[in-house]
Every structure is written in structure tokens, then in C-alpha cells.
Amino acid sequence: MAVGPDWSRGDAVAAVWTSPDVITWSRVPHDEAVFGGTGRREMNSVTAGGPGVGAVGFEGSGEDVVAAVWVETTGD
């Protein structure tokens, strides 16, 4: 799994890519309920832990930037 910004829409949006073999990569479809809506959002790092994964980054623009955390849990 890799995370980063996708600039294809103008503003950066948080994006996630997955790979079964670290050679071919597929982008996880953008879902505003998961990744956020309009405005700049960037994921900078991802890690596995506990029952899922977490990513950290920021959202906002200019001097109006705040830390952001995305969490995905895998339930039993």
C-alpha cells in the first residue's frame, strides 16, 4: 500500500494505491466520505497496526493547514 497526493483534479486529494506484487499498482477509487471532499488533502505516510492501517497527513491550504489522520479497521 502506498499513499500520497493526487493532483489530477487541480487541488491535491488524498489517494491510496495497492499492489499485489509491488510492480503493478491500482488506485483505490476516490470516495469523499472516506478521503474528504473539496480542498487540499494529502496523505504522507501509512502504517499497519492493530486491526487495520492508518495514514497521516494534512488538509487545508495556505496558513490554514491542520493535521489529518485516516484510519481503516478490519473487523472480525
N, C-alpha and C. Protein backbone atom coordinates (compact mmCIF):
# COMPACT_ATOMS: atom_id res chain seq x y z
N MET A 1 0.85 -1.17 0.00
CA MET A 1 0.00 0.00 0.00
C MET A 1 0.89 1.22 0.00
N ALA A 2 0.47 2.22 -0.77
CA ALA A 2 1.18 3.50 -0.82
C ALA A 2 0.15 4.61 -0.76
N VAL A 3 0.55 5.74 -0.20
CA VAL A 3 -0.34 6.90 -0.11
C VAL A 3 0.38 8.13 -0.64
N GLY A 4 -0.39 9.13 -1.00
CA GLY A 4 0.19 10.38 -1.45
C GLY A 4 -0.89 11.27 -2.02
N PRO A 5 -0.51 12.41 -2.56
CA PRO A 5 -1.49 13.31 -3.15
C PRO A 5 -1.72 12.96 -4.62
N ASP A 6 -2.93 13.19 -5.08
CA ASP A 6 -3.26 13.08 -6.50
C ASP A 6 -3.65 14.48 -6.96
N TRP A 7 -2.88 15.05 -7.86
CA TRP A 7 -3.08 16.42 -8.33
C TRP A 7 -3.90 16.48 -9.61
N SER A 8 -4.45 15.39 -10.09
CA SER A 8 -5.11 15.37 -11.39
C SER A 8 -6.38 16.23 -11.44
N ARG A 9 -6.96 16.58 -10.31
CA ARG A 9 -8.18 17.40 -10.28
C ARG A 9 -7.90 18.87 -9.98
N GLY A 10 -6.66 19.26 -9.90
CA GLY A 10 -6.31 20.64 -9.56
C GLY A 10 -5.75 20.72 -8.17
N ASP A 11 -6.60 20.66 -7.14
CA ASP A 11 -6.14 20.59 -5.75
C ASP A 11 -5.70 19.16 -5.45
N ALA A 12 -4.77 19.02 -4.53
CA ALA A 12 -4.34 17.68 -4.13
C ALA A 12 -5.46 17.01 -3.34
N VAL A 13 -5.71 15.76 -3.64
CA VAL A 13 -6.64 14.95 -2.85
C VAL A 13 -5.88 13.74 -2.33
N ALA A 14 -6.27 13.29 -1.14
CA ALA A 14 -5.63 12.11 -0.55
C ALA A 14 -5.90 10.91 -1.45
N ALA A 15 -4.87 10.11 -1.69
CA ALA A 15 -5.02 8.96 -2.57
C ALA A 15 -4.28 7.76 -1.99
N VAL A 16 -4.81 6.58 -2.30
CA VAL A 16 -4.23 5.32 -1.85
C VAL A 16 -4.08 4.39 -3.06
N TRP A 17 -2.94 3.73 -3.15
CA TRP A 17 -2.70 2.74 -4.19
C TRP A 17 -2.36 1.41 -3.51
N THR A 18 -2.79 0.31 -4.13
CA THR A 18 -2.46 -1.02 -3.63
C THR A 18 -1.77 -1.82 -4.72
N SER A 19 -1.01 -2.82 -4.31
CA SER A 19 -0.29 -3.66 -5.26
C SER A 19 -0.19 -5.08 -4.74
N PRO A 20 -0.48 -6.06 -5.58
CA PRO A 20 -0.31 -7.45 -5.15
C PRO A 20 1.14 -7.91 -5.24
N ASP A 21 1.98 -7.18 -6.00
CA ASP A 21 3.33 -7.66 -6.26
C ASP A 21 4.41 -6.56 -6.24
N VAL A 22 4.07 -5.36 -5.89
CA VAL A 22 4.93 -4.19 -5.84
C VAL A 22 5.47 -3.81 -7.24
N ILE A 23 4.85 -4.35 -8.27
CA ILE A 23 5.20 -3.98 -9.64
C ILE A 23 4.02 -3.27 -10.30
N THR A 24 2.84 -3.85 -10.18
CA THR A 24 1.63 -3.23 -10.73
C THR A 24 0.84 -2.61 -9.58
N TRP A 25 0.33 -1.38 -9.81
CA TRP A 25 -0.36 -0.63 -8.78
C TRP A 25 -1.74 -0.22 -9.27
N SER A 26 -2.71 -0.22 -8.37
CA SER A 26 -4.07 0.22 -8.68
C SER A 26 -4.49 1.26 -7.65
N ARG A 27 -5.08 2.34 -8.15
CA ARG A 27 -5.57 3.38 -7.24
C ARG A 27 -6.90 2.96 -6.64
N VAL A 28 -7.06 3.14 -5.35
CA VAL A 28 -8.34 2.91 -4.68
C VAL A 28 -9.27 4.03 -5.13
N PRO A 29 -10.48 3.72 -5.60
CA PRO A 29 -11.39 4.77 -6.07
C PRO A 29 -11.62 5.84 -5.00
N HIS A 30 -11.66 7.10 -5.44
CA HIS A 30 -11.87 8.21 -4.52
C HIS A 30 -13.30 8.20 -3.99
N ASP A 31 -13.44 8.27 -2.70
CA ASP A 31 -14.74 8.32 -2.04
C ASP A 31 -14.68 9.48 -1.05
N GLU A 32 -15.47 10.54 -1.31
CA GLU A 32 -15.41 11.73 -0.45
C GLU A 32 -15.77 11.43 0.99
N ALA A 33 -16.59 10.41 1.24
CA ALA A 33 -16.94 10.05 2.61
C ALA A 33 -15.72 9.49 3.35
N VAL A 34 -14.77 8.93 2.62
CA VAL A 34 -13.57 8.35 3.22
C VAL A 34 -12.40 9.33 3.19
N PHE A 35 -12.14 9.90 2.02
CA PHE A 35 -10.95 10.73 1.83
C PHE A 35 -11.18 12.21 2.05
N GLY A 36 -12.43 12.63 2.13
CA GLY A 36 -12.74 14.05 2.29
C GLY A 36 -13.21 14.65 0.99
N GLY A 37 -13.83 15.81 1.11
CA GLY A 37 -14.42 16.47 -0.06
C GLY A 37 -13.47 17.45 -0.72
N THR A 38 -13.94 18.66 -0.95
CA THR A 38 -13.16 19.66 -1.66
C THR A 38 -12.04 20.20 -0.79
N GLY A 39 -11.07 20.81 -1.42
CA GLY A 39 -9.93 21.36 -0.70
C GLY A 39 -8.75 20.42 -0.73
N ARG A 40 -7.61 20.92 -0.36
CA ARG A 40 -6.36 20.15 -0.42
C ARG A 40 -6.26 19.19 0.75
N ARG A 41 -6.01 17.92 0.45
CA ARG A 41 -5.78 16.88 1.46
C ARG A 41 -4.66 15.99 0.95
N GLU A 42 -3.65 15.80 1.77
CA GLU A 42 -2.54 14.95 1.37
C GLU A 42 -2.23 13.93 2.45
N MET A 43 -2.09 12.68 2.04
CA MET A 43 -1.58 11.64 2.92
C MET A 43 -0.08 11.57 2.69
N ASN A 44 0.69 11.51 3.79
CA ASN A 44 2.15 11.49 3.67
C ASN A 44 2.79 10.20 4.13
N SER A 45 2.10 9.43 4.96
CA SER A 45 2.69 8.21 5.50
C SER A 45 1.58 7.24 5.87
N VAL A 46 1.87 5.94 5.75
CA VAL A 46 0.90 4.91 6.10
C VAL A 46 1.61 3.81 6.88
N THR A 47 0.89 3.21 7.83
CA THR A 47 1.47 2.13 8.60
C THR A 47 0.38 1.14 9.00
N ALA A 48 0.77 -0.11 9.15
CA ALA A 48 -0.15 -1.14 9.65
C ALA A 48 -0.01 -1.20 11.16
N GLY A 49 -1.13 -1.46 11.82
CA GLY A 49 -1.08 -1.59 13.27
C GLY A 49 -2.43 -2.01 13.81
N GLY A 50 -2.41 -2.90 14.79
CA GLY A 50 -3.68 -3.35 15.35
C GLY A 50 -4.49 -4.05 14.28
N PRO A 51 -5.77 -3.77 14.24
CA PRO A 51 -6.62 -4.46 13.28
C PRO A 51 -6.82 -3.70 11.96
N GLY A 52 -5.83 -2.93 11.51
CA GLY A 52 -6.03 -2.19 10.27
C GLY A 52 -4.81 -1.37 9.90
N VAL A 53 -5.05 -0.26 9.18
CA VAL A 53 -3.98 0.63 8.77
C VAL A 53 -4.37 2.06 9.09
N GLY A 54 -3.35 2.90 9.24
CA GLY A 54 -3.59 4.32 9.47
C GLY A 54 -2.68 5.14 8.59
N ALA A 55 -3.15 6.30 8.19
CA ALA A 55 -2.35 7.22 7.38
C ALA A 55 -2.42 8.59 8.03
N VAL A 56 -1.34 9.34 7.90
CA VAL A 56 -1.30 10.70 8.43
C VAL A 56 -0.94 11.66 7.31
N GLY A 57 -1.34 12.89 7.48
CA GLY A 57 -1.05 13.92 6.50
C GLY A 57 -1.62 15.24 6.97
N PHE A 58 -2.17 16.02 6.03
CA PHE A 58 -2.74 17.31 6.39
C PHE A 58 -3.87 17.66 5.43
N GLU A 59 -4.65 18.66 5.86
CA GLU A 59 -5.68 19.21 5.00
C GLU A 59 -5.72 20.71 5.19
N GLY A 60 -6.15 21.40 4.16
CA GLY A 60 -6.22 22.85 4.19
C GLY A 60 -5.31 23.46 3.16
N SER A 61 -5.13 24.78 3.22
CA SER A 61 -4.24 25.45 2.29
C SER A 61 -3.71 26.73 2.91
N GLY A 62 -2.63 27.22 2.35
CA GLY A 62 -2.01 28.44 2.87
C GLY A 62 -1.62 28.28 4.33
N GLU A 63 -2.02 29.26 5.16
CA GLU A 63 -1.73 29.19 6.59
C GLU A 63 -2.80 28.43 7.35
N ASP A 64 -3.83 27.97 6.66
CA ASP A 64 -4.95 27.24 7.27
C ASP A 64 -4.79 25.74 7.09
N VAL A 65 -3.70 25.18 7.60
CA VAL A 65 -3.41 23.76 7.44
C VAL A 65 -3.49 23.08 8.80
N VAL A 66 -4.15 21.92 8.84
CA VAL A 66 -4.24 21.15 10.08
C VAL A 66 -3.83 19.71 9.81
N ALA A 67 -3.38 19.05 10.85
CA ALA A 67 -3.02 17.63 10.73
C ALA A 67 -4.27 16.81 10.46
N ALA A 68 -4.10 15.71 9.74
CA ALA A 68 -5.22 14.82 9.44
C ALA A 68 -4.78 13.37 9.63
N VAL A 69 -5.71 12.55 10.07
CA VAL A 69 -5.45 11.12 10.28
C VAL A 69 -6.59 10.35 9.63
N TRP A 70 -6.25 9.34 8.86
CA TRP A 70 -7.22 8.44 8.27
C TRP A 70 -6.98 7.05 8.85
N VAL A 71 -8.04 6.36 9.25
CA VAL A 71 -7.91 5.04 9.87
C VAL A 71 -8.86 4.08 9.16
N GLU A 72 -8.36 2.91 8.84
CA GLU A 72 -9.20 1.85 8.31
C GLU A 72 -9.02 0.63 9.21
N THR A 73 -10.10 0.16 9.77
CA THR A 73 -10.02 -1.01 10.62
C THR A 73 -10.64 -2.19 9.90
N THR A 74 -10.11 -3.34 10.18
CA THR A 74 -10.66 -4.57 9.62
C THR A 74 -11.33 -5.33 10.74
N GLY A 75 -12.65 -5.34 10.74
CA GLY A 75 -13.40 -6.00 11.80
C GLY A 75 -13.36 -7.51 11.68
N ASP A 76 -13.62 -8.16 12.78
CA ASP A 76 -13.68 -9.63 12.78
C ASP A 76 -15.04 -10.10 12.35
